[in-house]
C-alpha atoms as a PDB file:
ATOM      1  CA  MET A   1      -0.040   0.004   0.071  1.00  0.00           C
ATOM      2  CA  THR A   2       1.239   3.480  -0.887  1.00  0.00           C
ATOM      3  CA  ILE A   3       0.396   6.388   1.419  1.00  0.00           C
ATOM      4  CA  ALA A   4       1.075   9.757  -0.138  1.00  0.00           C
ATOM      5  CA  PRO A   5       3.093  12.438   1.766  1.00  0.00           C
ATOM      6  CA  THR A   6       1.247  15.537   2.752  1.00  0.00           C
ATOM      7  CA  HIS A   7       1.307  19.259   2.311  1.00  0.00           C
ATOM      8  CA  LEU A   8       0.872  21.691   5.205  1.00  0.00           C
ATOM      9  CA  LEU A   9      -1.950  24.111   4.273  1.00  0.00           C
ATOM     10  CA  ALA A  10      -1.974  27.802   5.312  1.00  0.00           C
ATOM     11  CA  ASP A  11      -4.509  26.985   8.031  1.00  0.00           C
ATOM     12  CA  GLY A  12      -2.394  24.351   9.626  1.00  0.00           C
ATOM     13  CA  ASN A  13      -4.239  21.308   8.229  1.00  0.00           C
ATOM     14  CA  SER A  14      -2.637  18.643   5.969  1.00  0.00           C
ATOM     15  CA  LEU A  15      -3.563  17.728   2.522  1.00  0.00           C
ATOM     16  CA  PRO A  16      -2.194  14.504   0.877  1.00  0.00           C
ATOM     17  CA  ALA A  17      -0.085  15.046  -2.093  1.00  0.00           C
ATOM     18  CA  ILE A  18      -2.392  13.028  -4.434  1.00  0.00           C
ATOM     19  CA  GLY A  19      -6.183  12.425  -4.184  1.00  0.00           C
ATOM     20  CA  PHE A  20      -8.916  10.365  -5.674  1.00  0.00           C
ATOM     21  CA  GLY A  21     -11.330  12.076  -8.013  1.00  0.00           C
ATOM     22  CA  THR A  22     -14.873  10.621  -8.024  1.00  0.00           C
ATOM     23  CA  TYR A  23     -16.612  12.287 -11.004  1.00  0.00           C
ATOM     24  CA  PRO A  24     -18.720  10.651 -12.624  1.00  0.00           C
ATOM     25  CA  LEU A  25     -18.820   7.630 -10.215  1.00  0.00           C
ATOM     26  CA  ARG A  26     -22.148   7.210  -8.556  1.00  0.00           C
ATOM     27  CA  GLY A  27     -24.345   4.620  -6.764  1.00  0.00           C
ATOM     28  CA  ASP A  28     -22.815   1.240  -5.983  1.00  0.00           C
ATOM     29  CA  GLU A  29     -20.090   1.711  -8.513  1.00  0.00           C
ATOM     30  CA  GLY A  30     -19.088   4.933  -6.695  1.00  0.00           C
ATOM     31  CA  THR A  31     -19.133   3.388  -3.274  1.00  0.00           C
ATOM     32  CA  ASN A  32     -17.147   0.404  -4.428  1.00  0.00           C
ATOM     33  CA  ALA A  33     -14.611   2.516  -6.194  1.00  0.00           C
ATOM     34  CA  VAL A  34     -14.075   4.779  -3.273  1.00  0.00           C
ATOM     35  CA  GLY A  35     -13.741   1.802  -0.978  1.00  0.00           C
ATOM     36  CA  GLU A  36     -11.097   0.325  -3.163  1.00  0.00           C
ATOM     37  CA  ALA A  37      -9.253   3.623  -3.307  1.00  0.00           C
ATOM     38  CA  LEU A  38      -9.205   3.931   0.507  1.00  0.00           C
ATOM     39  CA  ALA A  39      -7.995   0.319   0.779  1.00  0.00           C
ATOM     40  CA  ALA A  40      -5.290   1.164  -1.844  1.00  0.00           C
ATOM     41  CA  GLY A  41      -3.963   3.997   0.395  1.00  0.00           C
ATOM     42  CA  TYR A  42      -5.808   7.104  -0.848  1.00  0.00           C
ATOM     43  CA  ARG A  43      -6.555   9.535   2.017  1.00  0.00           C
ATOM     44  CA  LEU A  44      -8.046  12.433  -0.005  1.00  0.00           C
ATOM     45  CA  ILE A  45     -11.441  11.859  -1.552  1.00  0.00           C
ATOM     46  CA  ASP A  46     -12.841  14.549  -3.904  1.00  0.00           C
ATOM     47  CA  SER A  47     -16.591  14.936  -4.332  1.00  0.00           C
ATOM     48  CA  ALA A  48     -19.128  17.609  -5.203  1.00  0.00           C
ATOM     49  CA  VAL A  49     -22.852  18.170  -4.976  1.00  0.00           C
ATOM     50  CA  ASN A  50     -23.092  18.319  -8.768  1.00  0.00           C
ATOM     51  CA  TYR A  51     -21.304  14.859  -9.008  1.00  0.00           C
ATOM     52  CA  GLN A  52     -24.432  13.490  -7.359  1.00  0.00           C
ATOM     53  CA  ASN A  53     -22.351  10.973  -5.407  1.00  0.00           C
ATOM     54  CA  GLU A  54     -21.989  12.466  -1.903  1.00  0.00           C
ATOM     55  CA  ASP A  55     -24.152   9.582  -0.642  1.00  0.00           C
ATOM     56  CA  ALA A  56     -21.987   6.948  -2.357  1.00  0.00           C
ATOM     57  CA  VAL A  57     -18.829   8.540  -1.014  1.00  0.00           C
ATOM     58  CA  GLY A  58     -20.329   8.666   2.521  1.00  0.00           C
ATOM     59  CA  ARG A  59     -21.233   4.996   2.381  1.00  0.00           C
ATOM     60  CA  ALA A  60     -17.671   4.037   1.294  1.00  0.00           C
ATOM     61  CA  ILE A  61     -16.246   5.882   4.236  1.00  0.00           C
ATOM     62  CA  ALA A  62     -18.616   4.459   6.670  1.00  0.00           C
ATOM     63  CA  ARG A  63     -17.763   0.932   5.578  1.00  0.00           C
ATOM     64  CA  SER A  64     -14.020   1.520   5.338  1.00  0.00           C
ATOM     65  CA  GLU A  65     -11.646   0.220   8.024  1.00  0.00           C
ATOM     66  CA  VAL A  66      -9.626   3.443   7.601  1.00  0.00           C
ATOM     67  CA  ALA A  67     -10.125   5.800  10.590  1.00  0.00           C
ATOM     68  CA  ARG A  68     -12.257   8.882   9.855  1.00  0.00           C
ATOM     69  CA  ASP A  69      -9.598  11.392  11.039  1.00  0.00           C
ATOM     70  CA  GLU A  70      -7.162   9.860   8.499  1.00  0.00           C
ATOM     71  CA  ILE A  71      -9.388  10.847   5.548  1.00  0.00           C
ATOM     72  CA  VAL A  72      -9.677  14.179   4.008  1.00  0.00           C
ATOM     73  CA  VAL A  73     -13.070  14.567   2.513  1.00  0.00           C
ATOM     74  CA  THR A  74     -13.784  17.260  -0.093  1.00  0.00           C
ATOM     75  CA  THR A  75     -17.094  18.426  -1.417  1.00  0.00           C
ATOM     76  CA  LYS A  76     -18.195  21.562  -3.355  1.00  0.00           C
ATOM     77  CA  LEU A  77     -20.875  24.149  -3.232  1.00  0.00           C
ATOM     78  CA  PRO A  78     -22.832  24.199  -6.528  1.00  0.00           C
ATOM     79  CA  GLY A  79     -23.513  27.388  -8.379  1.00  0.00           C
ATOM     80  CA  ARG A  80     -27.267  27.457  -7.707  1.00  0.00           C
ATOM     81  CA  ALA A  81     -26.620  27.490  -3.932  1.00  0.00           C
ATOM     82  CA  GLN A  82     -24.414  30.604  -3.869  1.00  0.00           C
ATOM     83  CA  GLY A  83     -25.289  33.276  -1.378  1.00  0.00           C
ATOM     84  CA  TYR A  84     -24.790  33.499   2.394  1.00  0.00           C
ATOM     85  CA  ASP A  85     -27.791  31.621   3.659  1.00  0.00           C
ATOM     86  CA  SER A  86     -28.072  29.212   0.775  1.00  0.00           C
ATOM     87  CA  THR A  87     -24.409  28.308   1.191  1.00  0.00           C
ATOM     88  CA  LEU A  88     -25.031  27.323   4.887  1.00  0.00           C
ATOM     89  CA  ALA A  89     -28.127  25.403   3.763  1.00  0.00           C
ATOM     90  CA  SER A  90     -26.223  23.526   0.996  1.00  0.00           C
ATOM     91  CA  PHE A  91     -23.378  22.682   3.378  1.00  0.00           C
ATOM     92  CA  GLU A  92     -25.858  21.011   5.796  1.00  0.00           C
ATOM     93  CA  GLU A  93     -27.351  18.988   2.906  1.00  0.00           C
ATOM     94  CA  SER A  94     -23.784  17.849   1.902  1.00  0.00           C
ATOM     95  CA  ARG A  95     -22.913  16.959   5.508  1.00  0.00           C
ATOM     96  CA  THR A  96     -26.186  14.950   5.767  1.00  0.00           C
ATOM     97  CA  ALA A  97     -25.612  13.162   2.435  1.00  0.00           C
ATOM     98  CA  LEU A  98     -22.041  12.347   3.359  1.00  0.00           C
ATOM     99  CA  GLY A  99     -23.125  11.245   6.825  1.00  0.00           C
ATOM    100  CA  LEU A 100     -20.283  13.284   8.496  1.00  0.00           C
ATOM    101  CA  GLU A 101     -20.063  15.530  11.541  1.00  0.00           C
ATOM    102  CA  TYR A 102     -17.521  17.800   9.622  1.00  0.00           C
ATOM    103  CA  ILE A 103     -16.225  18.208   6.144  1.00  0.00           C
ATOM    104  CA  ASP A 104     -12.432  18.471   5.770  1.00  0.00           C
ATOM    105  CA  LEU A 105     -12.203  20.712   2.706  1.00  0.00           C
ATOM    106  CA  TYR A 106     -15.211  22.674   1.425  1.00  0.00           C
ATOM    107  CA  LEU A 107     -14.851  24.458  -1.937  1.00  0.00           C
ATOM    108  CA  ILE A 108     -16.893  26.908  -4.000  1.00  0.00           C
ATOM    109  CA  HIS A 109     -17.166  24.844  -7.250  1.00  0.00           C
ATOM    110  CA  TRP A 110     -17.126  27.749  -9.713  1.00  0.00           C
ATOM    111  CA  PRO A 111     -17.080  31.533  -9.314  1.00  0.00           C
ATOM    112  CA  ASN A 112     -20.118  32.229 -11.431  1.00  0.00           C
ATOM    113  CA  PRO A 113     -19.101  35.876 -11.655  1.00  0.00           C
ATOM    114  CA  GLU A 114     -22.333  36.988 -13.493  1.00  0.00           C
ATOM    115  CA  ASP A 115     -24.260  36.119 -10.351  1.00  0.00           C
ATOM    116  CA  GLY A 116     -22.031  38.171  -8.119  1.00  0.00           C
ATOM    117  CA  LEU A 117     -22.594  35.879  -5.066  1.00  0.00           C
ATOM    118  CA  PHE A 118     -19.322  34.195  -4.537  1.00  0.00           C
ATOM    119  CA  VAL A 119     -18.047  36.793  -1.962  1.00  0.00           C
ATOM    120  CA  ASP A 120     -21.236  36.154   0.081  1.00  0.00           C
ATOM    121  CA  SER A 121     -20.734  32.399  -0.189  1.00  0.00           C
ATOM    122  CA  TRP A 122     -17.111  32.849   0.927  1.00  0.00           C
ATOM    123  CA  ARG A 123     -18.262  34.836   4.068  1.00  0.00           C
ATOM    124  CA  ALA A 124     -20.548  31.862   4.912  1.00  0.00           C
ATOM    125  CA  MET A 125     -17.652  29.431   4.367  1.00  0.00           C
ATOM    126  CA  VAL A 126     -15.466  31.434   6.616  1.00  0.00           C
ATOM    127  CA  HIS A 127     -18.120  31.224   9.338  1.00  0.00           C
ATOM    128  CA  LEU A 128     -18.333  27.362   8.771  1.00  0.00           C
ATOM    129  CA  HIS A 129     -14.580  27.203   9.215  1.00  0.00           C
ATOM    130  CA  GLU A 130     -14.754  29.276  12.399  1.00  0.00           C
ATOM    131  CA  GLN A 131     -17.319  26.855  13.675  1.00  0.00           C
ATOM    132  CA  GLY A 132     -15.169  23.885  13.017  1.00  0.00           C
ATOM    133  CA  LEU A 133     -17.713  22.386  10.571  1.00  0.00           C
ATOM    134  CA  ALA A 134     -15.457  22.915   7.543  1.00  0.00           C
ATOM    135  CA  ARG A 135     -11.886  22.160   8.723  1.00  0.00           C
ATOM    136  CA  SER A 136     -10.406  23.848   5.569  1.00  0.00           C
ATOM    137  CA  ILE A 137     -12.103  26.156   3.052  1.00  0.00           C
ATOM    138  CA  GLY A 138     -11.194  26.864  -0.551  1.00  0.00           C
ATOM    139  CA  VAL A 139     -12.313  27.315  -4.090  1.00  0.00           C
ATOM    140  CA  SER A 140     -12.232  25.797  -7.436  1.00  0.00           C
ATOM    141  CA  ASN A 141     -11.833  27.374 -10.863  1.00  0.00           C
ATOM    142  CA  PHE A 142     -11.062  30.785  -9.553  1.00  0.00           C
ATOM    143  CA  THR A 143      -8.864  33.247 -11.351  1.00  0.00           C
ATOM    144  CA  GLU A 144      -6.246  35.591  -9.721  1.00  0.00           C
ATOM    145  CA  GLU A 145      -8.702  38.454  -9.923  1.00  0.00           C
ATOM    146  CA  TYR A 146     -11.463  36.640  -8.009  1.00  0.00           C
ATOM    147  CA  LEU A 147      -8.994  35.277  -5.437  1.00  0.00           C
ATOM    148  CA  THR A 148      -7.791  38.885  -4.835  1.00  0.00           C
ATOM    149  CA  LEU A 149     -11.431  39.962  -4.500  1.00  0.00           C
ATOM    150  CA  LEU A 150     -12.058  37.360  -1.831  1.00  0.00           C
ATOM    151  CA  GLN A 151      -9.013  38.613   0.126  1.00  0.00           C
ATOM    152  CA  SER A 152      -9.849  42.303  -0.209  1.00  0.00           C
ATOM    153  CA  GLU A 153     -13.491  41.791   0.785  1.00  0.00           C
ATOM    154  CA  THR A 154     -13.004  39.364   3.673  1.00  0.00           C
ATOM    155  CA  GLY A 155      -9.380  39.344   4.641  1.00  0.00           C
ATOM    156  CA  VAL A 156      -9.314  35.483   4.094  1.00  0.00           C
ATOM    157  CA  LEU A 157      -7.613  33.770   1.236  1.00  0.00           C
ATOM    158  CA  PRO A 158      -8.605  30.213   0.221  1.00  0.00           C
ATOM    159  CA  THR A 159      -6.246  27.463   1.378  1.00  0.00           C
ATOM    160  CA  VAL A 160      -6.848  25.628  -1.940  1.00  0.00           C
ATOM    161  CA  ASN A 161      -7.790  26.443  -5.578  1.00  0.00           C
ATOM    162  CA  GLN A 162      -8.675  23.432  -7.661  1.00  0.00           C
ATOM    163  CA  ILE A 163      -8.181  24.093 -11.309  1.00  0.00           C
ATOM    164  CA  GLU A 164      -7.983  22.293 -14.621  1.00  0.00           C
ATOM    165  CA  LEU A 165      -4.290  21.541 -14.830  1.00  0.00           C
ATOM    166  CA  HIS A 166      -2.437  19.166 -17.127  1.00  0.00           C
ATOM    167  CA  PRO A 167       0.538  19.218 -19.415  1.00  0.00           C
ATOM    168  CA  TYR A 168      -1.528  20.987 -22.258  1.00  0.00           C
ATOM    169  CA  PHE A 169      -2.703  23.514 -19.642  1.00  0.00           C
ATOM    170  CA  PRO A 170       0.007  24.058 -17.021  1.00  0.00           C
ATOM    171  CA  GLN A 171      -1.376  27.335 -15.652  1.00  0.00           C
ATOM    172  CA  LEU A 172       2.010  28.861 -14.999  1.00  0.00           C
ATOM    173  CA  GLU A 173       0.937  32.307 -13.938  1.00  0.00           C
ATOM    174  CA  LEU A 174      -1.932  31.229 -11.657  1.00  0.00           C
ATOM    175  CA  ARG A 175       0.339  28.629  -9.933  1.00  0.00           C
ATOM    176  CA  GLU A 176       2.893  31.369  -9.409  1.00  0.00           C
ATOM    177  CA  PHE A 177       0.222  33.459  -7.798  1.00  0.00           C
ATOM    178  CA  HIS A 178      -0.829  30.514  -5.673  1.00  0.00           C
ATOM    179  CA  GLN A 179       2.739  29.948  -4.424  1.00  0.00           C
ATOM    180  CA  ALA A 180       3.159  33.578  -3.569  1.00  0.00           C
ATOM    181  CA  HIS A 181      -0.004  33.609  -1.380  1.00  0.00           C
ATOM    182  CA  ASN A 182       0.305  30.169   0.169  1.00  0.00           C
ATOM    183  CA  ILE A 183      -2.614  28.691  -1.760  1.00  0.00           C
ATOM    184  CA  ARG A 184      -2.254  24.961  -2.553  1.00  0.00           C
ATOM    185  CA  THR A 185      -3.087  24.038  -6.170  1.00  0.00           C
ATOM    186  CA  GLU A 186      -5.245  21.073  -6.882  1.00  0.00           C
ATOM    187  CA  SER A 187      -5.406  19.648 -10.339  1.00  0.00           C
ATOM    188  CA  TRP A 188      -8.617  18.398 -11.873  1.00  0.00           C
ATOM    189  CA  SER A 189      -8.415  16.348 -15.111  1.00  0.00           C
ATOM    190  CA  PRO A 190      -4.754  15.886 -14.222  1.00  0.00           C
ATOM    191  CA  LEU A 191      -4.189  13.375 -17.044  1.00  0.00           C
ATOM    192  CA  GLY A 192      -5.806  15.446 -19.743  1.00  0.00           C
ATOM    193  CA  LYS A 193      -8.843  13.227 -20.118  1.00  0.00           C
ATOM    194  CA  GLY A 194      -9.908  12.786 -23.734  1.00  0.00           C
ATOM    195  CA  SER A 195      -6.752  14.112 -25.260  1.00  0.00           C
ATOM    196  CA  ASP A 196      -3.625  12.497 -26.639  1.00  0.00           C
ATOM    197  CA  VAL A 197      -1.337  13.982 -24.039  1.00  0.00           C
ATOM    198  CA  LEU A 198      -0.223  10.534 -22.705  1.00  0.00           C
ATOM    199  CA  ALA A 199       1.078   9.663 -26.164  1.00  0.00           C
ATOM    200  CA  GLN A 200       3.379  12.664 -26.535  1.00  0.00           C
ATOM    201  CA  PRO A 201       6.966  11.622 -27.215  1.00  0.00           C
ATOM    202  CA  GLU A 202       8.247  13.590 -24.228  1.00  0.00           C
ATOM    203  CA  ILE A 203       6.058  11.593 -21.855  1.00  0.00           C
ATOM    204  CA  VAL A 204       6.575   8.271 -23.567  1.00  0.00           C
ATOM    205  CA  ARG A 205      10.369   8.659 -23.411  1.00  0.00           C
ATOM    206  CA  ALA A 206      10.281   9.503 -19.693  1.00  0.00           C
ATOM    207  CA  ALA A 207       8.022   6.550 -18.988  1.00  0.00           C
ATOM    208  CA  GLU A 208      10.488   4.220 -20.758  1.00  0.00           C
ATOM    209  CA  ALA A 209      13.497   5.835 -18.910  1.00  0.00           C
ATOM    210  CA  HIS A 210      11.833   5.324 -15.388  1.00  0.00           C
ATOM    211  CA  GLY A 211      10.097   2.075 -16.173  1.00  0.00           C
ATOM    212  CA  VAL A 212       6.639   3.319 -15.407  1.00  0.00           C
ATOM    213  CA  THR A 213       3.537   4.250 -17.455  1.00  0.00           C
ATOM    214  CA  PRO A 214       2.800   7.595 -19.182  1.00  0.00           C
ATOM    215  CA  GLY A 215       0.130   8.280 -16.678  1.00  0.00           C
ATOM    216  CA  GLN A 216       2.490   7.881 -13.788  1.00  0.00           C
ATOM    217  CA  ILE A 217       4.829  10.299 -15.402  1.00  0.00           C
ATOM    218  CA  VAL A 218       2.217  12.979 -15.690  1.00  0.00           C
ATOM    219  CA  LEU A 219       1.033  12.453 -12.145  1.00  0.00           C
ATOM    220  CA  ARG A 220       4.675  12.647 -10.930  1.00  0.00           C
ATOM    221  CA  TRP A 221       4.953  15.886 -12.980  1.00  0.00           C
ATOM    222  CA  HIS A 222       2.086  17.358 -10.927  1.00  0.00           C
ATOM    223  CA  VAL A 223       3.685  16.146  -7.657  1.00  0.00           C
ATOM    224  CA  GLN A 224       6.954  17.793  -8.430  1.00  0.00           C
ATOM    225  CA  LEU A 225       5.113  21.030  -9.446  1.00  0.00           C
ATOM    226  CA  GLY A 226       3.709  20.993  -5.871  1.00  0.00           C
ATOM    227  CA  SER A 227       0.173  20.582  -7.297  1.00  0.00           C
ATOM    228  CA  VAL A 228      -2.156  17.813  -5.910  1.00  0.00           C
ATOM    229  CA  PRO A 229      -3.607  15.735  -8.767  1.00  0.00           C
ATOM    230  CA  LEU A 230      -6.966  14.026  -8.422  1.00  0.00           C
ATOM    231  CA  PRO A 231      -7.013  11.078 -10.859  1.00  0.00           C
ATOM    232  CA  LYS A 232     -10.143   9.016 -11.183  1.00  0.00           C
ATOM    233  CA  SER A 233     -10.382   5.325 -11.868  1.00  0.00           C
ATOM    234  CA  ALA A 234     -12.882   2.604 -10.936  1.00  0.00           C
ATOM    235  CA  ASP A 235     -10.182  -0.034 -11.717  1.00  0.00           C
ATOM    236  CA  PRO A 236      -8.303  -1.104  -8.503  1.00  0.00           C
ATOM    237  CA  VAL A 237      -5.099  -1.948 -10.436  1.00  0.00           C
ATOM    238  CA  ARG A 238      -5.172   1.519 -12.035  1.00  0.00           C
ATOM    239  CA  GLN A 239      -5.927   3.085  -8.758  1.00  0.00           C
ATOM    240  CA  ARG A 240      -2.876   1.590  -7.155  1.00  0.00           C
ATOM    241  CA  GLN A 241      -0.774   2.528 -10.233  1.00  0.00           C
ATOM    242  CA  ASN A 242      -1.892   6.140 -10.052  1.00  0.00           C
ATOM    243  CA  LEU A 243      -0.843   6.379  -6.429  1.00  0.00           C
ATOM    244  CA  ASP A 244       2.472   4.785  -6.973  1.00  0.00           C
ATOM    245  CA  VAL A 245       4.418   7.867  -8.045  1.00  0.00           C
ATOM    246  CA  PHE A 246       6.670   8.530  -5.138  1.00  0.00           C
ATOM    247  CA  GLY A 247       9.370   6.065  -5.899  1.00  0.00           C
ATOM    248  CA  PHE A 248      10.979   7.923  -8.773  1.00  0.00           C
ATOM    249  CA  GLU A 249      11.886  11.503  -9.687  1.00  0.00           C
ATOM    250  CA  LEU A 250      11.661  13.228 -12.966  1.00  0.00           C
ATOM    251  CA  THR A 251      14.876  15.267 -14.033  1.00  0.00           C
ATOM    252  CA  PRO A 252      14.572  19.008 -14.442  1.00  0.00           C
ATOM    253  CA  ALA A 253      14.851  18.413 -18.258  1.00  0.00           C
ATOM    254  CA  GLU A 254      11.945  15.937 -18.170  1.00  0.00           C
ATOM    255  CA  MET A 255       9.873  18.414 -16.053  1.00  0.00           C
ATOM    256  CA  GLU A 256      10.590  21.235 -18.506  1.00  0.00           C
ATOM    257  CA  SER A 257       9.855  19.200 -21.655  1.00  0.00           C
ATOM    258  CA  ILE A 258       6.406  18.143 -20.176  1.00  0.00           C
ATOM    259  CA  THR A 259       5.602  21.651 -19.163  1.00  0.00           C
ATOM    260  CA  LEU A 260       6.496  22.903 -22.635  1.00  0.00           C
ATOM    261  CA  LEU A 261       3.612  20.881 -24.032  1.00  0.00           C
ATOM    262  CA  GLY A 262       1.426  23.751 -22.709  1.00  0.00           C
ATOM    263  CA  ARG A 263      -0.723  25.578 -25.205  1.00  0.00           C
ATOM    264  CA  ALA A 264      -1.858  29.227 -25.238  1.00  0.00           C
ATOM    265  CA  ASP A 265      -5.278  28.061 -24.044  1.00  0.00           C
ATOM    266  CA  GLY A 266      -5.049  24.366 -23.501  1.00  0.00           C
ATOM    267  CA  ARG A 267      -8.397  24.046 -21.795  1.00  0.00           C
ATOM    268  CA  LEU A 268      -9.918  20.708 -22.828  1.00  0.00           C
ATOM    269  CA  PHE A 269     -13.412  21.331 -21.508  1.00  0.00           C
ATOM    270  CA  GLY A 270     -14.317  24.899 -22.765  1.00  0.00           C
ATOM    271  CA  ALA A 271     -15.100  26.041 -19.257  1.00  0.00           C
ATOM    272  CA  ASP A 272     -13.580  29.554 -18.786  1.00  0.00           C
ATOM    273  CA  PRO A 273     -14.183  30.687 -15.237  1.00  0.00           C
ATOM    274  CA  VAL A 274     -14.794  34.219 -16.549  1.00  0.00           C
ATOM    275  CA  THR A 275     -17.807  33.097 -18.590  1.00  0.00           C
ATOM    276  CA  HIS A 276     -18.882  29.639 -17.311  1.00  0.00           C
ATOM    277  CA  ASN A 277     -22.010  29.506 -15.194  1.00  0.00           C
ATOM    278  CA  GLU A 278     -22.507  26.357 -13.114  1.00  0.00           C
ATOM    279  CA  GLN A 279     -26.027  25.543 -11.969  1.00  0.00           C
END
C-alpha cells in the first residue's frame, strides 16, 4: 500500500499530495470505487454536490476500515446555492448526504461571476470554518482576480484552488500566484482526459526511462510542481498505479519538456471561469 506524503496548508491542516477524483462515479459503482481507493492508500477523496455522489462517498467512508480522522473529504458548493444563507443550507445538505459531522475541505465549485454571489458564499464558508464544521475552506476554478477580491472583501484567502491543470494547460501564472500567497493548487483532469497527451513523445520517453506508465509520469509531474492531482479510476489496479508515483523522480529536463507541451489556451473542456455559469 502506498500512502502519499502531505502538504501543510495555510490554516495548519494537512492535505495529501495526491487524491482520488470521484466524478462521474455514482451509486454502488461509486461506493465500491471509493472503498477500493481507500484500501489502496488514498486518503484524499474529492466529491461535489453536482457529481451526485456524496451519498456513495459517504457509504464508502462508513464501511471503510480506515479511521475517519485519516481521511480528507472534499465536497463543493454548486452554483445554484451561492449566497450566504443558501451556502449554509447547502453545506448542511452535503454533510447529511455524506453522513459526516464535519467536512475536511469545502470548496466553491465555480465563481459564477455573472451572479455576483461568490463573496457572500465565501463569508458563509469563513463562518463554517470558524465553527469547525469545515476544517479547511477553498475554491475551485477561481482566477487571480477573483482570489484577490475574496481577500480584499473578507481578509481571508482560500487554502486551496482546484483548477484544470495538465501538460496541455500548465497554468504557470496562476500557480505562481498561488505559491506567492500560500494557496495549494489542486489539479482536476490531471491526465488530460480525452486528449492525446499521454502519447506525446516527451512523456513516452520519460516513462520508458523510469520503467513506469505515461500516466504515472504525468502524475509525478504534478507532484513535483507541488500541485495535488486528483485522478479518477474505478479499476483497483489503475488506482494503485496512479498512487504509486513516489518511488522515482523526474529530471529538471523531463519536467521542462512536459511543461513545454502547454498551449496558449489548453483548456480541454471549454469552461472558462470568466464566462462559465454552473447551476
